[in-house]
Amino acid sequence: MSSQLGLTFAPYEVLEPLPKDAVYFFPRSEAEPETPDDLYDRNQALPAELSAYLIRHYAQVYPDITFIPEWADGTVNAAAYRSNPKGDAASLLNPMGQEVRLFGGLLRHKKLGIEGLSLIISHEVGHFKVGKGKNKGWTSCEGEADYWAASVSQRKVWWGKQSLENINIGTEQFNTVYTPLWRLDNQKSVQVSCEMHPAPSCRKETFLAGLTGKPIPQCAKPLD
């Protein structure tokens, strides 16, 4: 299926597995494939056009990162990773193969609009841009990426009042999708290690802190 914006989405194509040190937006134990009722069909044009627009837009803002849709996979998640950690790739802009993969369950989710998807993509970009080396030797902590997404990236990707509105709406969309998936303790005051994901209430608080210019919440700061 080809979008009008120049990106091709293969409805049944499955890509290569991600490297072991990839970092995910949702904990992998929580981000199971959704039921068909929660997702738009693979062949529907609307989510494909929306996804194509976002990917092209982010690629222009962050040319040192490659954004890859895995349209066929129904998992509700996104991941950041390096396809060439040795840094000898042919691309001068992206020698380490910095990539963000967006799974079909995320891109086709009926409760995620452009605002929620954008906030999630900004989080994954943040793994390459802030606090490098704290998590798995090359990337930022999860709470840091959340805060950077709202306080820095969204203001760069969008403009003026639109960026503030998108963060606010995107945070609510994130909360609607994520909270039902969460099976762990939901106490926002509990700090976690660098590579663990804060509870949904803490992540919502972190996004809103980035929106309003407040410091990063204590619950989003890693223990280690």
N, C-alpha and C. Protein backbone atom coordinates (compact mmCIF):
# COMPACT_ATOMS: atom_id res chain seq x y z
N MET A 1 0.85 -1.19 0.00
CA MET A 1 0.00 0.00 0.00
C MET A 1 0.88 1.24 0.00
N SER A 2 0.71 2.08 -0.98
CA SER A 2 1.52 3.30 -1.09
C SER A 2 0.71 4.51 -0.67
N SER A 3 1.29 5.34 0.15
CA SER A 3 0.61 6.56 0.57
C SER A 3 0.86 7.65 -0.45
N GLN A 4 0.04 8.69 -0.41
CA GLN A 4 0.20 9.81 -1.32
C GLN A 4 1.44 10.64 -0.98
N LEU A 5 2.02 10.40 0.20
CA LEU A 5 3.16 11.18 0.64
C LEU A 5 4.49 10.51 0.32
N GLY A 6 4.45 9.42 -0.42
CA GLY A 6 5.70 8.86 -0.90
C GLY A 6 6.28 7.71 -0.11
N LEU A 7 5.64 7.31 0.99
CA LEU A 7 6.12 6.18 1.76
C LEU A 7 5.29 4.95 1.42
N THR A 8 5.94 3.80 1.38
CA THR A 8 5.25 2.57 1.07
C THR A 8 5.06 1.75 2.34
N PHE A 9 3.84 1.31 2.60
CA PHE A 9 3.53 0.48 3.74
C PHE A 9 3.15 -0.90 3.23
N ALA A 10 3.92 -1.90 3.59
CA ALA A 10 3.63 -3.27 3.18
C ALA A 10 2.75 -3.91 4.25
N PRO A 11 1.47 -4.15 3.96
CA PRO A 11 0.54 -4.60 5.00
C PRO A 11 0.93 -5.92 5.66
N TYR A 12 1.69 -6.77 4.98
CA TYR A 12 1.98 -8.08 5.56
C TYR A 12 3.47 -8.34 5.71
N GLU A 13 4.29 -7.32 5.51
CA GLU A 13 5.73 -7.48 5.63
C GLU A 13 6.15 -7.47 7.10
N VAL A 14 7.04 -8.38 7.48
CA VAL A 14 7.60 -8.44 8.82
C VAL A 14 9.09 -8.16 8.72
N LEU A 15 9.60 -7.22 9.50
CA LEU A 15 10.99 -6.81 9.41
C LEU A 15 11.87 -7.69 10.29
N GLU A 16 13.18 -7.45 10.19
CA GLU A 16 14.14 -8.20 10.99
C GLU A 16 13.95 -7.90 12.47
N PRO A 17 14.26 -8.88 13.35
CA PRO A 17 14.16 -8.64 14.79
C PRO A 17 15.08 -7.50 15.23
N LEU A 18 14.69 -6.81 16.27
CA LEU A 18 15.49 -5.71 16.79
C LEU A 18 16.64 -6.24 17.63
N PRO A 19 17.73 -5.45 17.75
CA PRO A 19 18.84 -5.87 18.60
C PRO A 19 18.42 -5.96 20.07
N LYS A 20 19.18 -6.72 20.85
CA LYS A 20 18.83 -6.95 22.25
C LYS A 20 18.86 -5.68 23.09
N ASP A 21 19.66 -4.71 22.69
CA ASP A 21 19.75 -3.49 23.50
C ASP A 21 18.81 -2.39 23.03
N ALA A 22 17.82 -2.73 22.21
CA ALA A 22 16.81 -1.75 21.81
C ALA A 22 16.01 -1.31 23.04
N VAL A 23 15.56 -0.06 23.03
CA VAL A 23 14.76 0.46 24.14
C VAL A 23 13.36 0.79 23.61
N TYR A 24 12.35 0.43 24.39
CA TYR A 24 10.96 0.49 23.95
C TYR A 24 10.18 1.56 24.71
N PHE A 25 9.16 2.12 24.06
CA PHE A 25 8.35 3.14 24.71
C PHE A 25 7.51 2.55 25.83
N PHE A 26 6.81 1.45 25.56
CA PHE A 26 6.07 0.72 26.58
C PHE A 26 6.90 -0.48 27.01
N PRO A 27 6.83 -0.89 28.29
CA PRO A 27 7.50 -2.13 28.68
C PRO A 27 7.03 -3.28 27.79
N ARG A 28 7.94 -4.09 27.33
CA ARG A 28 7.57 -5.15 26.39
C ARG A 28 6.57 -6.12 26.99
N SER A 29 6.61 -6.31 28.31
CA SER A 29 5.67 -7.22 28.95
C SER A 29 4.24 -6.67 28.93
N GLU A 30 4.11 -5.36 28.73
CA GLU A 30 2.79 -4.73 28.73
C GLU A 30 2.25 -4.50 27.33
N ALA A 31 3.13 -4.45 26.33
CA ALA A 31 2.75 -4.03 24.97
C ALA A 31 2.44 -5.23 24.09
N GLU A 32 1.42 -5.97 24.44
CA GLU A 32 1.02 -7.12 23.64
C GLU A 32 0.21 -6.66 22.43
N PRO A 33 0.15 -7.50 21.39
CA PRO A 33 -0.68 -7.13 20.23
C PRO A 33 -2.13 -6.88 20.63
N GLU A 34 -2.70 -5.84 20.08
CA GLU A 34 -4.08 -5.49 20.39
C GLU A 34 -5.05 -6.36 19.57
N THR A 35 -6.29 -6.40 20.02
CA THR A 35 -7.32 -7.10 19.27
C THR A 35 -7.68 -6.27 18.04
N PRO A 36 -8.22 -6.91 17.00
CA PRO A 36 -8.58 -6.16 15.79
C PRO A 36 -9.51 -4.98 16.04
N ASP A 37 -10.36 -5.08 17.07
CA ASP A 37 -11.30 -3.99 17.35
C ASP A 37 -10.59 -2.71 17.77
N ASP A 38 -9.39 -2.82 18.30
CA ASP A 38 -8.65 -1.65 18.78
C ASP A 38 -7.86 -0.95 17.67
N LEU A 39 -7.71 -1.62 16.53
CA LEU A 39 -6.83 -1.11 15.48
C LEU A 39 -7.59 -0.88 14.18
N TYR A 40 -7.13 0.11 13.43
CA TYR A 40 -7.59 0.25 12.06
C TYR A 40 -7.03 -0.89 11.22
N ASP A 41 -7.76 -1.28 10.20
CA ASP A 41 -7.30 -2.33 9.31
C ASP A 41 -6.01 -1.92 8.60
N ARG A 42 -5.19 -2.91 8.27
CA ARG A 42 -3.90 -2.64 7.62
C ARG A 42 -4.04 -1.89 6.31
N ASN A 43 -5.15 -2.08 5.64
CA ASN A 43 -5.32 -1.49 4.31
C ASN A 43 -6.06 -0.15 4.31
N GLN A 44 -6.39 0.37 5.49
CA GLN A 44 -7.09 1.65 5.53
C GLN A 44 -6.12 2.80 5.26
N ALA A 45 -6.60 3.77 4.50
CA ALA A 45 -5.73 4.86 4.05
C ALA A 45 -5.44 5.89 5.14
N LEU A 46 -6.42 6.17 6.01
CA LEU A 46 -6.26 7.26 6.98
C LEU A 46 -5.05 7.07 7.89
N PRO A 47 -4.91 5.95 8.59
CA PRO A 47 -3.73 5.80 9.45
C PRO A 47 -2.43 5.75 8.66
N ALA A 48 -2.48 5.24 7.44
CA ALA A 48 -1.27 5.20 6.62
C ALA A 48 -0.82 6.61 6.24
N GLU A 49 -1.78 7.46 5.88
CA GLU A 49 -1.46 8.84 5.52
C GLU A 49 -0.93 9.61 6.73
N LEU A 50 -1.56 9.41 7.87
CA LEU A 50 -1.12 10.07 9.09
C LEU A 50 0.29 9.64 9.46
N SER A 51 0.54 8.35 9.38
CA SER A 51 1.87 7.82 9.71
C SER A 51 2.92 8.33 8.75
N ALA A 52 2.58 8.35 7.47
CA ALA A 52 3.52 8.84 6.46
C ALA A 52 3.87 10.31 6.71
N TYR A 53 2.86 11.10 7.04
CA TYR A 53 3.10 12.52 7.32
C TYR A 53 4.04 12.69 8.50
N LEU A 54 3.77 11.98 9.60
CA LEU A 54 4.61 12.10 10.80
C LEU A 54 6.04 11.67 10.54
N ILE A 55 6.21 10.56 9.84
CA ILE A 55 7.56 10.05 9.58
C ILE A 55 8.34 11.01 8.71
N ARG A 56 7.72 11.53 7.68
CA ARG A 56 8.41 12.49 6.81
C ARG A 56 8.75 13.76 7.58
N HIS A 57 7.85 14.20 8.42
CA HIS A 57 8.08 15.42 9.20
C HIS A 57 9.24 15.23 10.17
N TYR A 58 9.23 14.13 10.89
CA TYR A 58 10.31 13.86 11.85
C TYR A 58 11.64 13.64 11.14
N ALA A 59 11.60 13.03 9.98
CA ALA A 59 12.84 12.81 9.22
C ALA A 59 13.48 14.13 8.80
N GLN A 60 12.65 15.13 8.55
CA GLN A 60 13.18 16.45 8.19
C GLN A 60 13.78 17.15 9.41
N VAL A 61 13.14 17.00 10.56
CA VAL A 61 13.63 17.65 11.77
C VAL A 61 14.86 16.94 12.33
N TYR A 62 14.88 15.62 12.22
CA TYR A 62 15.98 14.81 12.74
C TYR A 62 16.56 13.94 11.61
N PRO A 63 17.34 14.53 10.71
CA PRO A 63 17.88 13.78 9.57
C PRO A 63 18.94 12.75 9.96
N ASP A 64 19.41 12.79 11.20
CA ASP A 64 20.40 11.82 11.67
C ASP A 64 19.76 10.56 12.25
N ILE A 65 18.44 10.44 12.12
CA ILE A 65 17.71 9.27 12.61
C ILE A 65 16.82 8.74 11.49
N THR A 66 16.76 7.42 11.34
CA THR A 66 15.89 6.79 10.35
C THR A 66 14.64 6.28 11.05
N PHE A 67 13.47 6.61 10.52
CA PHE A 67 12.19 6.20 11.10
C PHE A 67 11.57 5.12 10.22
N ILE A 68 11.26 3.98 10.83
CA ILE A 68 10.82 2.80 10.08
C ILE A 68 9.48 2.30 10.60
N PRO A 69 8.43 2.28 9.75
CA PRO A 69 7.15 1.71 10.17
C PRO A 69 7.13 0.20 9.94
N GLU A 70 6.74 -0.54 10.97
CA GLU A 70 6.51 -1.99 10.80
C GLU A 70 5.00 -2.20 10.84
N TRP A 71 4.39 -1.94 9.72
CA TRP A 71 2.95 -1.83 9.59
C TRP A 71 2.21 -3.11 9.95
N ALA A 72 2.82 -4.26 9.67
CA ALA A 72 2.12 -5.53 9.84
C ALA A 72 2.05 -5.98 11.29
N ASP A 73 2.96 -5.53 12.13
CA ASP A 73 3.04 -5.99 13.52
C ASP A 73 2.00 -5.26 14.36
N GLY A 74 1.11 -6.00 15.00
CA GLY A 74 0.04 -5.39 15.78
C GLY A 74 0.44 -4.96 17.17
N THR A 75 1.70 -5.08 17.53
CA THR A 75 2.16 -4.68 18.86
C THR A 75 2.06 -3.17 19.03
N VAL A 76 1.57 -2.74 20.18
CA VAL A 76 1.45 -1.31 20.47
C VAL A 76 2.76 -0.85 21.11
N ASN A 77 3.69 -0.43 20.28
CA ASN A 77 4.99 -0.02 20.81
C ASN A 77 5.81 0.70 19.75
N ALA A 78 6.90 1.30 20.22
CA ALA A 78 7.92 1.89 19.37
C ALA A 78 9.26 1.61 20.04
N ALA A 79 10.33 1.61 19.26
CA ALA A 79 11.64 1.27 19.80
C ALA A 79 12.73 2.10 19.16
N ALA A 80 13.75 2.43 19.96
CA ALA A 80 14.95 3.10 19.47
C ALA A 80 16.12 2.13 19.59
N TYR A 81 17.00 2.14 18.59
CA TYR A 81 18.13 1.22 18.60
C TYR A 81 19.17 1.69 17.59
N ARG A 82 20.31 1.04 17.63
CA ARG A 82 21.38 1.33 16.67
C ARG A 82 21.61 0.09 15.82
N SER A 83 21.44 0.22 14.52
CA SER A 83 21.65 -0.92 13.63
C SER A 83 23.12 -1.12 13.31
N ASN A 84 23.94 -0.12 13.62
CA ASN A 84 25.37 -0.21 13.33
C ASN A 84 26.17 0.47 14.45
N PRO A 85 26.20 -0.14 15.64
CA PRO A 85 26.83 0.51 16.80
C PRO A 85 28.32 0.77 16.65
N LYS A 86 28.97 0.13 15.69
CA LYS A 86 30.40 0.38 15.48
C LYS A 86 30.65 1.74 14.83
N GLY A 87 29.61 2.31 14.25
CA GLY A 87 29.74 3.65 13.69
C GLY A 87 30.41 3.72 12.34
N ASP A 88 30.38 2.64 11.57
CA ASP A 88 31.05 2.64 10.27
C ASP A 88 30.06 2.52 9.11
N ALA A 89 28.82 2.95 9.34
CA ALA A 89 27.82 2.91 8.27
C ALA A 89 28.17 3.94 7.20
N ALA A 90 27.64 3.73 6.01
CA ALA A 90 27.97 4.59 4.88
C ALA A 90 27.41 6.00 5.04
N SER A 91 26.32 6.15 5.79
CA SER A 91 25.68 7.45 5.93
C SER A 91 26.51 8.38 6.81
N LEU A 92 26.84 9.55 6.30
CA LEU A 92 27.58 10.53 7.09
C LEU A 92 26.70 11.15 8.17
N LEU A 93 25.41 11.28 7.90
CA LEU A 93 24.50 11.84 8.88
C LEU A 93 24.19 10.86 10.00
N ASN A 94 24.22 9.58 9.68
CA ASN A 94 23.79 8.56 10.64
C ASN A 94 24.75 7.37 10.63
N PRO A 95 26.01 7.57 11.02
CA PRO A 95 27.00 6.50 10.90
C PRO A 95 26.75 5.30 11.82
N MET A 96 26.02 5.51 12.92
CA MET A 96 25.75 4.41 13.84
C MET A 96 24.41 3.74 13.57
N GLY A 97 23.74 4.17 12.52
CA GLY A 97 22.45 3.57 12.20
C GLY A 97 21.41 3.80 13.27
N GLN A 98 21.27 5.04 13.72
CA GLN A 98 20.24 5.35 14.72
C GLN A 98 18.86 5.22 14.07
N GLU A 99 18.04 4.35 14.64
CA GLU A 99 16.74 4.07 14.03
C GLU A 99 15.64 4.05 15.08
N VAL A 100 14.46 4.46 14.66
CA VAL A 100 13.25 4.36 15.47
C VAL A 100 12.25 3.51 14.69
N ARG A 101 11.84 2.40 15.28
CA ARG A 101 10.86 1.54 14.63
C ARG A 101 9.50 1.76 15.28
N LEU A 102 8.49 1.93 14.44
CA LEU A 102 7.13 2.19 14.88
C LEU A 102 6.26 1.02 14.47
N PHE A 103 5.76 0.29 15.45
CA PHE A 103 4.99 -0.92 15.17
C PHE A 103 3.56 -0.57 14.75
N GLY A 104 2.98 -1.47 13.96
CA GLY A 104 1.66 -1.22 13.40
C GLY A 104 0.57 -1.05 14.43
N GLY A 105 0.69 -1.76 15.55
CA GLY A 105 -0.32 -1.62 16.60
C GLY A 105 -0.36 -0.23 17.20
N LEU A 106 0.77 0.45 17.13
CA LEU A 106 0.85 1.84 17.59
C LEU A 106 0.29 2.78 16.52
N LEU A 107 0.78 2.63 15.30
CA LEU A 107 0.39 3.53 14.21
C LEU A 107 -1.08 3.39 13.84
N ARG A 108 -1.63 2.20 14.03
CA ARG A 108 -3.02 1.95 13.62
C ARG A 108 -4.01 1.96 14.79
N HIS A 109 -3.54 2.35 15.97
CA HIS A 109 -4.42 2.33 17.15
C HIS A 109 -5.48 3.43 17.05
N LYS A 110 -6.73 3.07 17.30
CA LYS A 110 -7.83 4.01 17.12
C LYS A 110 -7.85 5.12 18.17
N LYS A 111 -7.17 4.92 19.29
CA LYS A 111 -7.18 5.93 20.36
C LYS A 111 -5.95 6.83 20.33
N LEU A 112 -5.08 6.65 19.34
CA LEU A 112 -3.90 7.49 19.21
C LEU A 112 -4.01 8.34 17.96
N GLY A 113 -4.02 9.64 18.14
CA GLY A 113 -4.01 10.56 17.01
C GLY A 113 -2.61 11.07 16.75
N ILE A 114 -2.52 12.10 15.95
CA ILE A 114 -1.22 12.65 15.60
C ILE A 114 -0.49 13.18 16.84
N GLU A 115 -1.25 13.65 17.84
CA GLU A 115 -0.63 14.21 19.04
C GLU A 115 0.04 13.12 19.88
N GLY A 116 -0.69 12.03 20.13
CA GLY A 116 -0.11 10.95 20.93
C GLY A 116 1.04 10.27 20.23
N LEU A 117 0.89 10.02 18.94
CA LEU A 117 1.97 9.39 18.18
C LEU A 117 3.21 10.27 18.17
N SER A 118 3.02 11.56 18.01
CA SER A 118 4.15 12.48 17.98
C SER A 118 4.90 12.49 19.30
N LEU A 119 4.18 12.49 20.41
CA LEU A 119 4.82 12.47 21.72
C LEU A 119 5.64 11.20 21.90
N ILE A 120 5.12 10.08 21.44
CA ILE A 120 5.83 8.81 21.55
C ILE A 120 7.08 8.81 20.68
N ILE A 121 6.96 9.32 19.45
CA ILE A 121 8.14 9.38 18.58
C ILE A 121 9.20 10.28 19.19
N SER A 122 8.79 11.41 19.76
CA SER A 122 9.75 12.32 20.39
C SER A 122 10.46 11.64 21.55
N HIS A 123 9.75 10.82 22.31
CA HIS A 123 10.39 10.06 23.39
C HIS A 123 11.50 9.17 22.84
N GLU A 124 11.20 8.46 21.75
CA GLU A 124 12.22 7.57 21.19
C GLU A 124 13.41 8.35 20.65
N VAL A 125 13.16 9.49 20.04
CA VAL A 125 14.25 10.36 19.59
C VAL A 125 15.11 10.77 20.78
N GLY A 126 14.45 11.03 21.91
CA GLY A 126 15.16 11.45 23.10
C GLY A 126 16.21 10.46 23.57
N HIS A 127 16.02 9.20 23.28
CA HIS A 127 17.01 8.20 23.68
C HIS A 127 18.35 8.44 22.99
N PHE A 128 18.33 9.09 21.85
CA PHE A 128 19.58 9.42 21.14
C PHE A 128 20.11 10.80 21.50
N LYS A 129 19.28 11.64 22.13
CA LYS A 129 19.62 13.06 22.26
C LYS A 129 19.96 13.52 23.67
N VAL A 130 19.55 12.80 24.69
CA VAL A 130 19.74 13.29 26.06
C VAL A 130 20.22 12.17 26.96
N GLY A 131 21.11 12.48 27.88
CA GLY A 131 21.57 11.52 28.89
C GLY A 131 22.20 10.28 28.32
N LYS A 132 22.96 10.41 27.26
CA LYS A 132 23.53 9.24 26.60
C LYS A 132 24.44 8.46 27.54
N GLY A 133 24.37 7.14 27.42
CA GLY A 133 25.28 6.27 28.15
C GLY A 133 24.77 5.79 29.48
N LYS A 134 23.68 6.36 29.98
CA LYS A 134 23.18 5.96 31.29
C LYS A 134 22.44 4.63 31.24
N ASN A 135 21.84 4.32 30.11
CA ASN A 135 21.02 3.12 29.95
C ASN A 135 21.66 2.22 28.90
N LYS A 136 22.04 1.03 29.30
CA LYS A 136 22.61 0.02 28.39
C LYS A 136 23.88 0.51 27.69
N GLY A 137 24.52 1.51 28.26
CA GLY A 137 25.79 1.98 27.74
C GLY A 137 25.71 2.95 26.59
N TRP A 138 24.52 3.27 26.11
CA TRP A 138 24.45 4.16 24.94
C TRP A 138 23.27 5.13 24.93
N THR A 139 22.30 4.94 25.79
CA THR A 139 21.09 5.75 25.67
C THR A 139 20.67 6.36 27.00
N SER A 140 19.61 7.13 26.97
CA SER A 140 19.12 7.82 28.16
C SER A 140 18.18 6.93 28.96
N CYS A 141 17.88 7.36 30.17
CA CYS A 141 16.89 6.69 31.00
C CYS A 141 15.49 7.00 30.48
N GLU A 142 14.53 6.14 30.84
CA GLU A 142 13.17 6.31 30.32
C GLU A 142 12.54 7.62 30.77
N GLY A 143 12.68 7.96 32.05
CA GLY A 143 12.10 9.20 32.54
C GLY A 143 12.71 10.42 31.89
N GLU A 144 14.01 10.38 31.63
CA GLU A 144 14.68 11.49 30.94
C GLU A 144 14.12 11.68 29.54
N ALA A 145 13.90 10.57 28.83
CA ALA A 145 13.37 10.65 27.47
C ALA A 145 11.94 11.21 27.46
N ASP A 146 11.14 10.84 28.46
CA ASP A 146 9.79 11.40 28.57
C ASP A 146 9.85 12.92 28.73
N TYR A 147 10.67 13.37 29.65
CA TYR A 147 10.75 14.81 29.95
C TYR A 147 11.29 15.58 28.75
N TRP A 148 12.31 15.06 28.10
CA TRP A 148 12.90 15.72 26.94
C TRP A 148 11.90 15.80 25.79
N ALA A 149 11.09 14.75 25.64
CA ALA A 149 10.10 14.74 24.56
C ALA A 149 9.17 15.94 24.65
N ALA A 150 8.70 16.23 25.87
CA ALA A 150 7.74 17.32 26.05
C ALA A 150 8.41 18.68 26.18
N SER A 151 9.56 18.73 26.82
CA SER A 151 10.19 20.03 27.10
C SER A 151 11.02 20.55 25.94
N VAL A 152 11.52 19.66 25.07
CA VAL A 152 12.41 20.07 23.99
C VAL A 152 11.87 19.67 22.61
N SER A 153 11.69 18.38 22.40
CA SER A 153 11.41 17.89 21.05
C SER A 153 10.09 18.41 20.49
N GLN A 154 9.02 18.36 21.28
CA GLN A 154 7.73 18.80 20.76
C GLN A 154 7.73 20.27 20.35
N ARG A 155 8.52 21.06 21.04
CA ARG A 155 8.63 22.47 20.69
C ARG A 155 9.44 22.68 19.42
N LYS A 156 10.28 21.71 19.10
CA LYS A 156 11.07 21.78 17.87
C LYS A 156 10.30 21.23 16.68
N VAL A 157 9.53 20.19 16.92
CA VAL A 157 8.78 19.53 15.84
C VAL A 157 7.57 20.36 15.43
N TRP A 158 6.87 20.93 16.42
CA TRP A 158 5.71 21.76 16.14
C TRP A 158 6.06 23.21 16.44
N TRP A 159 5.06 24.08 16.45
CA TRP A 159 5.37 25.51 16.56
C TRP A 159 4.41 26.21 17.49
N GLY A 160 4.96 27.04 18.37
CA GLY A 160 4.17 27.92 19.21
C GLY A 160 3.07 27.22 19.98
N LYS A 161 1.87 27.78 19.89
CA LYS A 161 0.72 27.26 20.63
C LYS A 161 0.40 25.83 20.24
N GLN A 162 0.64 25.47 18.97
CA GLN A 162 0.33 24.12 18.52
C GLN A 162 1.13 23.08 19.29
N SER A 163 2.39 23.38 19.59
CA SER A 163 3.21 22.42 20.32
C SER A 163 2.66 22.18 21.71
N LEU A 164 2.19 23.23 22.37
CA LEU A 164 1.64 23.09 23.72
C LEU A 164 0.33 22.30 23.69
N GLU A 165 -0.52 22.59 22.72
CA GLU A 165 -1.78 21.85 22.60
C GLU A 165 -1.52 20.38 22.29
N ASN A 166 -0.55 20.11 21.42
CA ASN A 166 -0.25 18.73 21.05
C ASN A 166 0.27 17.93 22.23
N ILE A 167 1.11 18.55 23.06
CA ILE A 167 1.63 17.85 24.24
C ILE A 167 0.48 17.49 25.18
N ASN A 168 -0.41 18.43 25.42
CA ASN A 168 -1.52 18.21 26.34
C ASN A 168 -2.45 17.12 25.83
N ILE A 169 -2.83 17.20 24.56
CA ILE A 169 -3.72 16.19 23.98
C ILE A 169 -3.00 14.85 23.88
N GLY A 170 -1.75 14.87 23.46
CA GLY A 170 -0.98 13.64 23.34
C GLY A 170 -0.82 12.92 24.66
N THR A 171 -0.65 13.68 25.74
CA THR A 171 -0.52 13.08 27.06
C THR A 171 -1.80 12.34 27.45
N GLU A 172 -2.95 12.92 27.15
CA GLU A 172 -4.22 12.25 27.46
C GLU A 172 -4.40 11.00 26.61
N GLN A 173 -4.02 11.06 25.34
CA GLN A 173 -4.11 9.87 24.49
C GLN A 173 -3.19 8.76 25.00
N PHE A 174 -1.97 9.14 25.37
CA PHE A 174 -1.03 8.18 25.95
C PHE A 174 -1.63 7.52 27.17
N ASN A 175 -2.22 8.32 28.05
CA ASN A 175 -2.76 7.80 29.30
C ASN A 175 -3.93 6.86 29.04
N THR A 176 -4.75 7.18 28.03
CA THR A 176 -5.89 6.33 27.69
C THR A 176 -5.45 4.96 27.20
N VAL A 177 -4.37 4.93 26.42
CA VAL A 177 -3.89 3.67 25.86
C VAL A 177 -3.05 2.90 26.87
N TYR A 178 -2.21 3.60 27.63
CA TYR A 178 -1.20 2.94 28.45
C TYR A 178 -1.75 2.40 29.76
N THR A 179 -2.57 3.17 30.46
CA THR A 179 -3.01 2.77 31.79
C THR A 179 -3.70 1.41 31.81
N PRO A 180 -4.58 1.09 30.85
CA PRO A 180 -5.18 -0.25 30.88
C PRO A 180 -4.17 -1.38 30.67
N LEU A 181 -3.03 -1.09 30.03
CA LEU A 181 -2.03 -2.12 29.79
C LEU A 181 -1.20 -2.41 31.04
N TRP A 182 -1.13 -1.44 31.94
CA TRP A 182 -0.19 -1.49 33.06
C TRP A 182 -0.67 -2.48 34.12
N ARG A 183 0.16 -3.46 34.43
CA ARG A 183 -0.20 -4.48 35.41
C ARG A 183 0.58 -4.34 36.71
N LEU A 184 1.47 -3.35 36.78
CA LEU A 184 2.34 -3.21 37.93
C LEU A 184 1.83 -2.13 38.87
N ASP A 185 2.57 -1.90 39.95
CA ASP A 185 2.21 -0.91 40.95
C ASP A 185 2.11 0.48 40.31
N ASN A 186 1.04 1.17 40.59
CA ASN A 186 0.79 2.46 39.94
C ASN A 186 1.07 3.64 40.87
N GLN A 187 1.96 3.49 41.82
CA GLN A 187 2.29 4.58 42.73
C GLN A 187 3.29 5.51 42.07
N LYS A 188 2.88 6.73 41.84
CA LYS A 188 3.75 7.65 41.11
C LYS A 188 4.98 8.07 41.91
N SER A 189 4.95 7.87 43.23
CA SER A 189 6.07 8.30 44.06
C SER A 189 7.24 7.32 44.03
N VAL A 190 7.02 6.14 43.46
CA VAL A 190 8.04 5.11 43.46
C VAL A 190 9.04 5.35 42.33
N GLN A 191 10.31 5.52 42.68
CA GLN A 191 11.35 5.65 41.68
C GLN A 191 11.76 4.28 41.17
N VAL A 192 12.25 4.23 39.95
CA VAL A 192 12.68 2.98 39.35
C VAL A 192 14.08 3.14 38.80
N SER A 193 14.68 2.03 38.38
CA SER A 193 16.02 2.10 37.81
C SER A 193 15.98 2.75 36.44
N CYS A 194 17.16 3.05 35.91
CA CYS A 194 17.28 3.82 34.68
C CYS A 194 16.54 3.19 33.51
N GLU A 195 16.65 1.90 33.34
CA GLU A 195 16.06 1.27 32.16
C GLU A 195 14.63 0.80 32.39
N MET A 196 14.10 0.99 33.59
CA MET A 196 12.70 0.64 33.85
C MET A 196 11.79 1.82 33.51
N HIS A 197 10.56 1.51 33.15
CA HIS A 197 9.59 2.55 32.82
C HIS A 197 8.85 3.00 34.07
N PRO A 198 8.78 4.30 34.32
CA PRO A 198 7.95 4.79 35.43
C PRO A 198 6.49 4.40 35.21
N ALA A 199 5.72 4.42 36.29
CA ALA A 199 4.29 4.10 36.21
C ALA A 199 3.57 5.12 35.33
N PRO A 200 2.41 4.76 34.77
CA PRO A 200 1.69 5.67 33.89
C PRO A 200 1.42 7.04 34.51
N SER A 201 1.04 7.06 35.78
CA SER A 201 0.75 8.35 36.42
C SER A 201 1.99 9.23 36.50
N CYS A 202 3.15 8.61 36.72
CA CYS A 202 4.40 9.37 36.75
C CYS A 202 4.77 9.88 35.37
N ARG A 203 4.57 9.06 34.36
CA ARG A 203 4.91 9.47 33.00
C ARG A 203 4.00 10.62 32.55
N LYS A 204 2.73 10.55 32.92
CA LYS A 204 1.83 11.66 32.61
C LYS A 204 2.29 12.93 33.31
N GLU A 205 2.65 12.80 34.58
CA GLU A 205 3.15 13.96 35.34
C GLU A 205 4.41 14.53 34.71
N THR A 206 5.26 13.64 34.19
CA THR A 206 6.52 14.08 33.57
C THR A 206 6.26 14.84 32.27
N PHE A 207 5.38 14.32 31.44
CA PHE A 207 5.03 15.03 30.20
C PHE A 207 4.47 16.42 30.50
N LEU A 208 3.59 16.50 31.49
CA LEU A 208 2.98 17.79 31.82
C LEU A 208 3.99 18.74 32.46
N ALA A 209 4.96 18.19 33.18
CA ALA A 209 6.03 19.04 33.72
C ALA A 209 6.85 19.64 32.59
N GLY A 210 7.13 18.83 31.57
CA GLY A 210 7.84 19.35 30.41
C GLY A 210 7.04 20.41 29.68
N LEU A 211 5.72 20.21 29.63
CA LEU A 211 4.83 21.17 28.98
C LEU A 211 4.85 22.52 29.68
N THR A 212 4.82 22.51 31.02
CA THR A 212 4.69 23.74 31.79
C THR A 212 6.02 24.33 32.25
N GLY A 213 7.12 23.68 31.92
CA GLY A 213 8.42 24.20 32.30
C GLY A 213 8.83 23.90 33.73
N LYS A 214 8.15 22.96 34.37
CA LYS A 214 8.52 22.56 35.73
C LYS A 214 9.69 21.58 35.67
N PRO A 215 10.42 21.41 36.79
CA PRO A 215 11.52 20.43 36.81
C PRO A 215 10.99 19.01 36.62
N ILE A 216 11.86 18.13 36.21
CA ILE A 216 11.48 16.73 36.05
C ILE A 216 11.04 16.16 37.39
N PRO A 217 9.92 15.46 37.47
CA PRO A 217 9.44 14.92 38.75
C PRO A 217 10.42 13.92 39.36
N GLN A 218 10.40 13.82 40.66
CA GLN A 218 11.30 12.90 41.35
C GLN A 218 11.08 11.46 40.92
N CYS A 219 9.81 11.10 40.66
CA CYS A 219 9.51 9.72 40.30
C CYS A 219 10.09 9.34 38.94
N ALA A 220 10.44 10.34 38.12
CA ALA A 220 11.01 10.07 36.80
C ALA A 220 12.53 10.02 36.82
N LYS A 221 13.12 10.39 37.94
CA LYS A 221 14.58 10.33 38.06
C LYS A 221 14.99 8.92 38.45
N PRO A 222 15.99 8.35 37.79
CA PRO A 222 16.39 6.97 38.08
C PRO A 222 17.06 6.82 39.44
N LEU A 223 16.90 5.66 40.03
CA LEU A 223 17.55 5.37 41.31
C LEU A 223 19.05 5.26 41.16
N ASP A 224 19.52 4.70 40.02
CA ASP A 224 20.95 4.47 39.86
C ASP A 224 21.59 5.58 39.04
